[in-house]
């Protein structure tokens, strides 16, 4: 990972920067969905404050003092993982997944919308397997994919 990147715990002063990058990332990755089903920014902020922060442990990726990505986890469940579009394809998302694997080395799981083809490709490239297809809870109520990553067991007879 780039030496200018730091992964650290969320702090209250990150709120504005993180909710803005979260919104921008969603608008760029699933623009049609965001136009049709998106919420007002104040609703995003309320959801972030009252759901994401209350139910998850949140980590920030900081580059030169500014948040550029975040990940919210509850145990082995990755509830949110977003990178600002200006920082896509720089290894930041992969660094967050590796960080998550350090905390939960045997299993991680998450949901993503079926229409989010970039996220699906990213998770599959990083060893996640689609295990079920369903629908997200309201208000979205959109087709989603449940992904799982499991540590591979060592092969029989392999040196450990």
N, C-alpha and C. Protein backbone atom coordinates (compact mmCIF):
# COMPACT_ATOMS: atom_id res chain seq x y z
N UNK A 1 0.85 -1.17 0.00
CA UNK A 1 0.00 0.00 0.00
C UNK A 1 0.90 1.24 0.00
N UNK A 2 0.44 2.27 -0.60
CA UNK A 2 1.12 3.54 -0.68
C UNK A 2 1.49 4.01 0.73
N UNK A 3 2.72 4.47 0.91
CA UNK A 3 3.18 4.91 2.23
C UNK A 3 2.44 6.14 2.74
N UNK A 4 1.81 6.89 1.85
CA UNK A 4 1.07 8.08 2.27
C UNK A 4 -0.32 7.75 2.79
N UNK A 5 -0.69 6.48 2.76
CA UNK A 5 -2.01 6.06 3.23
C UNK A 5 -1.93 5.53 4.65
N UNK A 6 -2.92 5.90 5.44
CA UNK A 6 -3.02 5.45 6.82
C UNK A 6 -4.43 4.89 7.01
N UNK A 7 -4.54 3.71 7.62
CA UNK A 7 -5.83 3.17 8.02
C UNK A 7 -5.95 3.40 9.52
N UNK A 8 -7.02 4.07 9.90
CA UNK A 8 -7.20 4.40 11.31
C UNK A 8 -8.68 4.35 11.66
N UNK A 9 -8.95 4.41 12.95
CA UNK A 9 -10.35 4.42 13.41
C UNK A 9 -11.02 5.74 13.03
N UNK A 10 -12.31 5.64 12.79
CA UNK A 10 -13.14 6.81 12.51
C UNK A 10 -13.11 7.75 13.72
N UNK A 11 -13.11 9.05 13.45
CA UNK A 11 -13.23 10.09 14.48
C UNK A 11 -14.40 10.99 14.11
N UNK A 12 -15.08 11.58 15.07
CA UNK A 12 -16.24 12.43 14.76
C UNK A 12 -15.95 13.54 13.76
N UNK A 13 -14.74 14.06 13.77
CA UNK A 13 -14.42 15.13 12.82
C UNK A 13 -14.33 14.64 11.37
N UNK A 14 -14.39 13.32 11.15
CA UNK A 14 -14.39 12.75 9.80
C UNK A 14 -15.77 12.79 9.15
N UNK A 15 -16.79 13.07 9.93
CA UNK A 15 -18.18 12.90 9.47
C UNK A 15 -18.47 13.54 8.12
N UNK A 16 -18.20 14.84 7.97
CA UNK A 16 -18.53 15.51 6.71
C UNK A 16 -17.76 14.92 5.53
N UNK A 17 -16.46 14.77 5.66
CA UNK A 17 -15.65 14.24 4.56
C UNK A 17 -16.08 12.83 4.17
N UNK A 18 -16.37 12.00 5.17
CA UNK A 18 -16.73 10.60 4.88
C UNK A 18 -18.12 10.51 4.25
N UNK A 19 -19.08 11.26 4.76
CA UNK A 19 -20.42 11.18 4.16
C UNK A 19 -20.42 11.76 2.75
N UNK A 20 -19.59 12.75 2.48
CA UNK A 20 -19.48 13.28 1.12
C UNK A 20 -18.83 12.26 0.20
N UNK A 21 -17.73 11.63 0.63
CA UNK A 21 -17.08 10.64 -0.25
C UNK A 21 -17.99 9.43 -0.46
N UNK A 22 -18.76 9.06 0.54
CA UNK A 22 -19.72 7.96 0.43
C UNK A 22 -20.75 8.28 -0.65
N UNK A 23 -21.29 9.49 -0.63
CA UNK A 23 -22.29 9.92 -1.61
C UNK A 23 -21.70 9.99 -3.01
N UNK A 24 -20.52 10.60 -3.15
CA UNK A 24 -19.89 10.74 -4.46
C UNK A 24 -19.58 9.36 -5.05
N UNK A 25 -19.10 8.46 -4.23
CA UNK A 25 -18.77 7.11 -4.70
C UNK A 25 -20.01 6.39 -5.21
N UNK A 26 -21.11 6.51 -4.48
CA UNK A 26 -22.36 5.86 -4.92
C UNK A 26 -22.87 6.49 -6.21
N UNK A 27 -22.79 7.81 -6.30
CA UNK A 27 -23.26 8.48 -7.52
C UNK A 27 -22.45 8.06 -8.73
N UNK A 28 -21.17 7.83 -8.56
CA UNK A 28 -20.29 7.43 -9.67
C UNK A 28 -20.43 5.95 -10.01
N UNK A 29 -20.58 5.09 -8.99
CA UNK A 29 -20.60 3.65 -9.25
C UNK A 29 -21.96 3.13 -9.71
N UNK A 30 -23.04 3.70 -9.23
CA UNK A 30 -24.40 3.27 -9.63
C UNK A 30 -25.27 4.50 -9.89
N UNK A 31 -24.95 5.26 -10.94
CA UNK A 31 -25.65 6.53 -11.15
C UNK A 31 -27.15 6.37 -11.39
N UNK A 32 -27.56 5.37 -12.15
CA UNK A 32 -29.00 5.16 -12.40
C UNK A 32 -29.74 4.85 -11.13
N UNK A 33 -29.18 3.97 -10.34
CA UNK A 33 -29.79 3.62 -9.06
C UNK A 33 -29.88 4.84 -8.16
N UNK A 34 -28.80 5.59 -8.11
CA UNK A 34 -28.76 6.76 -7.23
C UNK A 34 -29.81 7.79 -7.66
N UNK A 35 -30.01 7.96 -8.98
CA UNK A 35 -31.02 8.90 -9.46
C UNK A 35 -32.43 8.43 -9.11
N UNK A 36 -32.68 7.13 -9.28
CA UNK A 36 -34.02 6.59 -9.06
C UNK A 36 -34.37 6.38 -7.59
N UNK A 37 -33.43 5.85 -6.83
CA UNK A 37 -33.73 5.45 -5.46
C UNK A 37 -32.93 6.21 -4.42
N UNK A 38 -32.07 7.10 -4.86
CA UNK A 38 -31.20 7.80 -3.93
C UNK A 38 -31.99 8.67 -2.95
N UNK A 39 -31.31 9.06 -1.93
CA UNK A 39 -31.91 9.87 -0.88
C UNK A 39 -31.28 11.25 -0.89
N UNK A 40 -31.92 12.18 -0.23
CA UNK A 40 -31.31 13.49 -0.03
C UNK A 40 -30.07 13.33 0.83
N UNK A 41 -29.12 14.25 0.67
CA UNK A 41 -27.87 14.15 1.41
C UNK A 41 -28.10 14.16 2.91
N UNK A 42 -29.05 14.94 3.40
CA UNK A 42 -29.30 14.96 4.85
C UNK A 42 -29.80 13.60 5.33
N UNK A 43 -30.51 12.86 4.46
CA UNK A 43 -30.95 11.51 4.82
C UNK A 43 -29.75 10.56 4.89
N UNK A 44 -28.80 10.72 3.95
CA UNK A 44 -27.57 9.94 4.01
C UNK A 44 -26.83 10.20 5.32
N UNK A 45 -26.73 11.47 5.69
CA UNK A 45 -26.03 11.81 6.92
C UNK A 45 -26.71 11.21 8.14
N UNK A 46 -28.03 11.26 8.16
CA UNK A 46 -28.80 10.67 9.26
C UNK A 46 -28.56 9.17 9.34
N UNK A 47 -28.61 8.49 8.19
CA UNK A 47 -28.39 7.05 8.15
C UNK A 47 -26.97 6.72 8.62
N UNK A 48 -26.00 7.48 8.16
CA UNK A 48 -24.62 7.24 8.57
C UNK A 48 -24.47 7.39 10.08
N UNK A 49 -25.05 8.47 10.62
CA UNK A 49 -24.94 8.76 12.05
C UNK A 49 -25.68 7.74 12.91
N UNK A 50 -26.89 7.39 12.51
CA UNK A 50 -27.76 6.60 13.38
C UNK A 50 -27.79 5.11 13.08
N UNK A 51 -27.26 4.70 11.96
CA UNK A 51 -27.22 3.26 11.63
C UNK A 51 -25.78 2.77 11.52
N UNK A 52 -25.05 3.31 10.55
CA UNK A 52 -23.71 2.80 10.28
C UNK A 52 -22.80 2.96 11.50
N UNK A 53 -22.74 4.15 12.06
CA UNK A 53 -21.85 4.37 13.21
C UNK A 53 -22.30 3.62 14.45
N UNK A 54 -23.59 3.42 14.62
CA UNK A 54 -24.09 2.74 15.82
C UNK A 54 -23.95 1.21 15.73
N UNK A 55 -23.97 0.66 14.52
CA UNK A 55 -23.95 -0.80 14.37
C UNK A 55 -22.59 -1.37 13.99
N UNK A 56 -21.64 -0.52 13.62
CA UNK A 56 -20.39 -1.01 13.06
C UNK A 56 -19.18 -0.34 13.70
N UNK A 57 -18.06 -0.96 13.49
CA UNK A 57 -16.75 -0.35 13.73
C UNK A 57 -16.35 0.24 12.38
N UNK A 58 -15.94 1.51 12.37
CA UNK A 58 -15.64 2.19 11.11
C UNK A 58 -14.17 2.57 11.08
N UNK A 59 -13.54 2.27 9.94
CA UNK A 59 -12.15 2.64 9.71
C UNK A 59 -12.08 3.58 8.51
N UNK A 60 -11.13 4.47 8.58
CA UNK A 60 -10.90 5.49 7.56
C UNK A 60 -9.55 5.23 6.91
N UNK A 61 -9.49 5.41 5.59
CA UNK A 61 -8.20 5.47 4.92
C UNK A 61 -7.93 6.95 4.68
N UNK A 62 -6.81 7.38 5.18
CA UNK A 62 -6.43 8.79 5.10
C UNK A 62 -5.20 8.91 4.20
N UNK A 63 -5.25 9.88 3.31
CA UNK A 63 -4.09 10.17 2.45
C UNK A 63 -3.78 11.65 2.61
N UNK A 64 -2.56 11.94 2.98
CA UNK A 64 -2.12 13.31 3.25
C UNK A 64 -3.13 14.09 4.08
N UNK A 65 -3.61 13.45 5.14
CA UNK A 65 -4.49 14.11 6.10
C UNK A 65 -5.96 14.14 5.76
N UNK A 66 -6.36 13.59 4.61
CA UNK A 66 -7.77 13.63 4.20
C UNK A 66 -8.33 12.23 4.03
N UNK A 67 -9.56 11.97 4.52
CA UNK A 67 -10.20 10.69 4.29
C UNK A 67 -10.47 10.47 2.80
N UNK A 68 -10.04 9.32 2.28
CA UNK A 68 -10.28 8.98 0.88
C UNK A 68 -11.09 7.69 0.73
N UNK A 69 -11.32 6.99 1.84
CA UNK A 69 -12.08 5.73 1.81
C UNK A 69 -12.50 5.40 3.23
N UNK A 70 -13.51 4.53 3.33
CA UNK A 70 -13.88 4.02 4.65
C UNK A 70 -14.46 2.63 4.52
N UNK A 71 -14.43 1.92 5.63
CA UNK A 71 -15.02 0.58 5.72
C UNK A 71 -15.71 0.48 7.06
N UNK A 72 -16.94 -0.02 7.05
CA UNK A 72 -17.71 -0.25 8.27
C UNK A 72 -17.95 -1.75 8.40
N UNK A 73 -17.61 -2.30 9.56
CA UNK A 73 -17.75 -3.74 9.79
C UNK A 73 -18.45 -4.00 11.11
N UNK A 74 -19.25 -5.06 11.11
CA UNK A 74 -19.80 -5.62 12.34
C UNK A 74 -19.34 -7.07 12.37
N UNK A 75 -18.37 -7.35 13.22
CA UNK A 75 -17.74 -8.66 13.27
C UNK A 75 -17.19 -9.00 11.88
N UNK A 76 -17.61 -10.12 11.28
CA UNK A 76 -17.07 -10.51 9.97
C UNK A 76 -17.90 -9.98 8.80
N UNK A 77 -18.90 -9.19 9.08
CA UNK A 77 -19.76 -8.61 8.04
C UNK A 77 -19.24 -7.23 7.65
N UNK A 78 -18.91 -7.06 6.37
CA UNK A 78 -18.52 -5.75 5.84
C UNK A 78 -19.80 -5.07 5.39
N UNK A 79 -20.23 -4.10 6.18
CA UNK A 79 -21.49 -3.41 5.90
C UNK A 79 -21.30 -2.36 4.80
N UNK A 80 -20.17 -1.68 4.81
CA UNK A 80 -19.89 -0.62 3.84
C UNK A 80 -18.40 -0.64 3.52
N UNK A 81 -18.08 -0.43 2.25
CA UNK A 81 -16.69 -0.23 1.84
C UNK A 81 -16.74 0.69 0.62
N UNK A 82 -16.27 1.91 0.79
CA UNK A 82 -16.33 2.90 -0.27
C UNK A 82 -15.01 3.64 -0.38
N UNK A 83 -14.60 3.85 -1.63
CA UNK A 83 -13.40 4.61 -1.94
C UNK A 83 -13.84 5.79 -2.82
N UNK A 84 -13.33 6.96 -2.52
CA UNK A 84 -13.64 8.12 -3.35
C UNK A 84 -13.20 7.83 -4.79
N UNK A 85 -14.02 8.14 -5.80
CA UNK A 85 -13.68 7.82 -7.19
C UNK A 85 -12.33 8.37 -7.66
N UNK A 86 -11.87 9.48 -7.11
CA UNK A 86 -10.56 10.00 -7.49
C UNK A 86 -9.43 9.07 -7.06
N UNK A 87 -9.74 8.09 -6.22
CA UNK A 87 -8.73 7.18 -5.69
C UNK A 87 -9.00 5.72 -6.04
N UNK A 88 -9.91 5.49 -6.99
CA UNK A 88 -10.19 4.12 -7.45
C UNK A 88 -8.96 3.56 -8.17
N UNK A 89 -8.86 2.24 -8.11
CA UNK A 89 -7.82 1.48 -8.80
C UNK A 89 -6.40 1.87 -8.37
N UNK A 90 -6.27 2.18 -7.10
CA UNK A 90 -4.96 2.51 -6.53
C UNK A 90 -4.59 1.55 -5.39
N UNK A 91 -5.38 0.48 -5.24
CA UNK A 91 -5.09 -0.51 -4.21
C UNK A 91 -5.69 -0.21 -2.85
N UNK A 92 -6.48 0.86 -2.74
CA UNK A 92 -7.04 1.24 -1.44
C UNK A 92 -8.11 0.25 -0.99
N UNK A 93 -9.01 -0.12 -1.88
CA UNK A 93 -10.04 -1.10 -1.53
C UNK A 93 -9.44 -2.43 -1.14
N UNK A 94 -8.44 -2.86 -1.89
CA UNK A 94 -7.76 -4.11 -1.56
C UNK A 94 -7.07 -4.01 -0.20
N UNK A 95 -6.47 -2.86 0.10
CA UNK A 95 -5.84 -2.67 1.41
C UNK A 95 -6.88 -2.78 2.52
N UNK A 96 -8.08 -2.23 2.30
CA UNK A 96 -9.14 -2.35 3.30
C UNK A 96 -9.58 -3.80 3.47
N UNK A 97 -9.67 -4.55 2.37
CA UNK A 97 -10.03 -5.97 2.50
C UNK A 97 -8.95 -6.72 3.26
N UNK A 98 -7.69 -6.44 2.99
CA UNK A 98 -6.61 -7.09 3.74
C UNK A 98 -6.67 -6.73 5.21
N UNK A 99 -6.99 -5.48 5.50
CA UNK A 99 -7.16 -5.03 6.88
C UNK A 99 -8.30 -5.81 7.54
N UNK A 100 -9.41 -6.00 6.82
CA UNK A 100 -10.54 -6.78 7.34
C UNK A 100 -10.14 -8.23 7.57
N UNK A 101 -9.34 -8.80 6.67
CA UNK A 101 -8.89 -10.19 6.82
C UNK A 101 -7.99 -10.37 8.04
N UNK A 102 -7.24 -9.33 8.38
CA UNK A 102 -6.42 -9.40 9.60
C UNK A 102 -7.31 -9.51 10.83
N UNK A 103 -8.46 -8.87 10.81
CA UNK A 103 -9.38 -8.90 11.94
C UNK A 103 -10.24 -10.16 11.95
N UNK A 104 -10.56 -10.66 10.80
CA UNK A 104 -11.40 -11.86 10.66
C UNK A 104 -10.72 -12.79 9.65
N UNK A 105 -9.71 -13.52 10.07
CA UNK A 105 -8.88 -14.25 9.11
C UNK A 105 -9.53 -15.48 8.47
N UNK A 106 -10.66 -15.93 8.98
CA UNK A 106 -11.27 -17.13 8.42
C UNK A 106 -12.43 -16.86 7.47
N UNK A 107 -13.16 -15.76 7.69
CA UNK A 107 -14.38 -15.54 6.90
C UNK A 107 -14.79 -14.08 6.94
N UNK A 108 -15.19 -13.56 5.78
CA UNK A 108 -15.80 -12.25 5.64
C UNK A 108 -17.00 -12.40 4.72
N UNK A 109 -17.99 -11.55 4.91
CA UNK A 109 -19.12 -11.58 4.00
C UNK A 109 -19.73 -10.19 3.87
N UNK A 110 -20.50 -10.00 2.80
CA UNK A 110 -21.07 -8.69 2.49
C UNK A 110 -22.17 -8.85 1.45
N UNK A 111 -22.89 -7.76 1.23
CA UNK A 111 -23.86 -7.66 0.15
C UNK A 111 -23.44 -6.52 -0.76
N UNK A 112 -23.76 -6.66 -2.04
CA UNK A 112 -23.67 -5.54 -2.96
C UNK A 112 -24.83 -5.65 -3.94
N UNK A 113 -25.21 -4.53 -4.51
CA UNK A 113 -26.30 -4.56 -5.48
C UNK A 113 -25.86 -5.28 -6.74
N UNK A 114 -26.77 -6.03 -7.35
CA UNK A 114 -26.44 -6.73 -8.59
C UNK A 114 -26.03 -5.76 -9.69
N UNK A 115 -26.61 -4.57 -9.73
CA UNK A 115 -26.28 -3.60 -10.79
C UNK A 115 -24.90 -2.98 -10.61
N UNK A 116 -24.28 -3.15 -9.45
CA UNK A 116 -22.97 -2.56 -9.20
C UNK A 116 -21.89 -3.50 -9.73
N UNK A 117 -21.74 -3.52 -11.05
CA UNK A 117 -20.84 -4.47 -11.70
C UNK A 117 -19.38 -4.23 -11.32
N UNK A 118 -19.00 -2.98 -11.07
CA UNK A 118 -17.61 -2.72 -10.67
C UNK A 118 -17.32 -3.31 -9.29
N UNK A 119 -18.24 -3.14 -8.36
CA UNK A 119 -18.04 -3.72 -7.02
C UNK A 119 -18.00 -5.24 -7.10
N UNK A 120 -18.89 -5.81 -7.89
CA UNK A 120 -18.91 -7.27 -8.02
C UNK A 120 -17.59 -7.79 -8.59
N UNK A 121 -17.08 -7.13 -9.62
CA UNK A 121 -15.79 -7.53 -10.21
C UNK A 121 -14.66 -7.38 -9.19
N UNK A 122 -14.69 -6.30 -8.42
CA UNK A 122 -13.67 -6.06 -7.40
C UNK A 122 -13.67 -7.17 -6.35
N UNK A 123 -14.84 -7.50 -5.82
CA UNK A 123 -14.89 -8.54 -4.78
C UNK A 123 -14.50 -9.90 -5.34
N UNK A 124 -14.96 -10.22 -6.54
CA UNK A 124 -14.60 -11.51 -7.14
C UNK A 124 -13.10 -11.59 -7.40
N UNK A 125 -12.50 -10.49 -7.86
CA UNK A 125 -11.05 -10.46 -8.08
C UNK A 125 -10.30 -10.68 -6.77
N UNK A 126 -10.92 -10.30 -5.66
CA UNK A 126 -10.28 -10.43 -4.35
C UNK A 126 -10.74 -11.67 -3.58
N UNK A 127 -11.23 -12.67 -4.30
CA UNK A 127 -11.50 -13.97 -3.70
C UNK A 127 -12.87 -14.17 -3.10
N UNK A 128 -13.78 -13.22 -3.25
CA UNK A 128 -15.14 -13.40 -2.74
C UNK A 128 -15.95 -14.18 -3.76
N UNK A 129 -16.85 -15.00 -3.25
CA UNK A 129 -17.70 -15.86 -4.09
C UNK A 129 -19.16 -15.49 -3.84
N UNK A 130 -19.89 -15.31 -4.93
CA UNK A 130 -21.33 -15.04 -4.83
C UNK A 130 -22.01 -16.32 -4.36
N UNK A 131 -22.69 -16.26 -3.22
CA UNK A 131 -23.32 -17.46 -2.68
C UNK A 131 -24.84 -17.42 -2.76
N UNK A 132 -25.42 -16.23 -2.85
CA UNK A 132 -26.87 -16.17 -3.03
C UNK A 132 -27.26 -14.84 -3.64
N UNK A 133 -28.38 -14.87 -4.32
CA UNK A 133 -28.93 -13.68 -4.96
C UNK A 133 -30.29 -13.44 -4.34
N UNK A 134 -30.57 -12.18 -3.99
CA UNK A 134 -31.84 -11.88 -3.35
C UNK A 134 -32.20 -10.43 -3.57
N UNK A 135 -32.85 -9.85 -2.56
CA UNK A 135 -33.26 -8.44 -2.62
C UNK A 135 -32.86 -7.75 -1.34
N UNK A 136 -32.35 -6.53 -1.49
CA UNK A 136 -31.99 -5.74 -0.32
C UNK A 136 -33.26 -5.32 0.41
N UNK A 137 -33.09 -5.01 1.67
CA UNK A 137 -34.21 -4.55 2.48
C UNK A 137 -34.72 -3.21 1.97
N UNK A 138 -35.99 -2.90 2.25
CA UNK A 138 -36.50 -1.56 1.93
C UNK A 138 -35.67 -0.52 2.68
N UNK A 139 -35.50 0.65 2.16
CA UNK A 139 -36.27 1.22 1.06
C UNK A 139 -35.75 0.85 -0.32
N UNK A 140 -34.50 0.32 -0.43
CA UNK A 140 -33.98 0.01 -1.75
C UNK A 140 -34.79 -1.10 -2.43
N UNK A 141 -34.90 -2.25 -1.74
CA UNK A 141 -35.64 -3.39 -2.29
C UNK A 141 -35.19 -3.69 -3.72
N UNK A 142 -33.89 -3.81 -3.88
CA UNK A 142 -33.27 -4.04 -5.18
C UNK A 142 -32.55 -5.38 -5.18
N UNK A 143 -32.39 -5.99 -6.36
CA UNK A 143 -31.64 -7.24 -6.44
C UNK A 143 -30.21 -7.05 -5.91
N UNK A 144 -29.80 -7.96 -5.02
CA UNK A 144 -28.45 -7.89 -4.48
C UNK A 144 -27.77 -9.24 -4.54
N UNK A 145 -26.50 -9.26 -4.17
CA UNK A 145 -25.69 -10.47 -4.17
C UNK A 145 -25.03 -10.58 -2.80
N UNK A 146 -25.09 -11.76 -2.23
CA UNK A 146 -24.39 -12.03 -0.98
C UNK A 146 -23.07 -12.72 -1.32
N UNK A 147 -21.97 -12.07 -0.93
CA UNK A 147 -20.62 -12.59 -1.20
C UNK A 147 -19.98 -13.07 0.09
N UNK A 148 -19.17 -14.13 -0.06
CA UNK A 148 -18.39 -14.65 1.07
C UNK A 148 -16.95 -14.87 0.63
N UNK A 149 -16.04 -14.60 1.56
CA UNK A 149 -14.63 -14.95 1.40
C UNK A 149 -14.30 -15.85 2.57
N UNK A 150 -13.68 -16.98 2.24
CA UNK A 150 -13.24 -17.92 3.27
C UNK A 150 -11.77 -18.24 3.06
N UNK A 151 -11.05 -18.30 4.17
CA UNK A 151 -9.63 -18.69 4.08
C UNK A 151 -9.58 -20.12 3.59
N UNK A 152 -8.71 -20.32 2.65
CA UNK A 152 -8.55 -21.68 2.12
C UNK A 152 -7.80 -22.53 3.13
N UNK A 153 -8.30 -23.73 3.33
CA UNK A 153 -7.64 -24.66 4.24
C UNK A 153 -6.34 -25.11 3.57
N UNK A 154 -5.30 -25.32 4.37
CA UNK A 154 -4.04 -25.82 3.77
C UNK A 154 -4.27 -27.19 3.15
N UNK A 155 -3.58 -27.42 2.04
CA UNK A 155 -3.71 -28.74 1.40
C UNK A 155 -3.06 -29.79 2.28
N UNK A 156 -3.61 -30.98 2.20
CA UNK A 156 -3.07 -32.10 2.97
C UNK A 156 -1.62 -32.33 2.57
N UNK A 157 -0.76 -32.42 3.56
CA UNK A 157 0.66 -32.68 3.30
C UNK A 157 1.45 -31.42 3.00
N UNK A 158 0.80 -30.28 2.89
CA UNK A 158 1.53 -29.04 2.59
C UNK A 158 2.23 -28.55 3.85
N UNK A 159 3.37 -27.94 3.70
CA UNK A 159 4.09 -27.37 4.83
C UNK A 159 3.34 -26.15 5.32
N UNK A 160 3.27 -26.01 6.63
CA UNK A 160 2.55 -24.85 7.20
C UNK A 160 3.48 -23.90 7.87
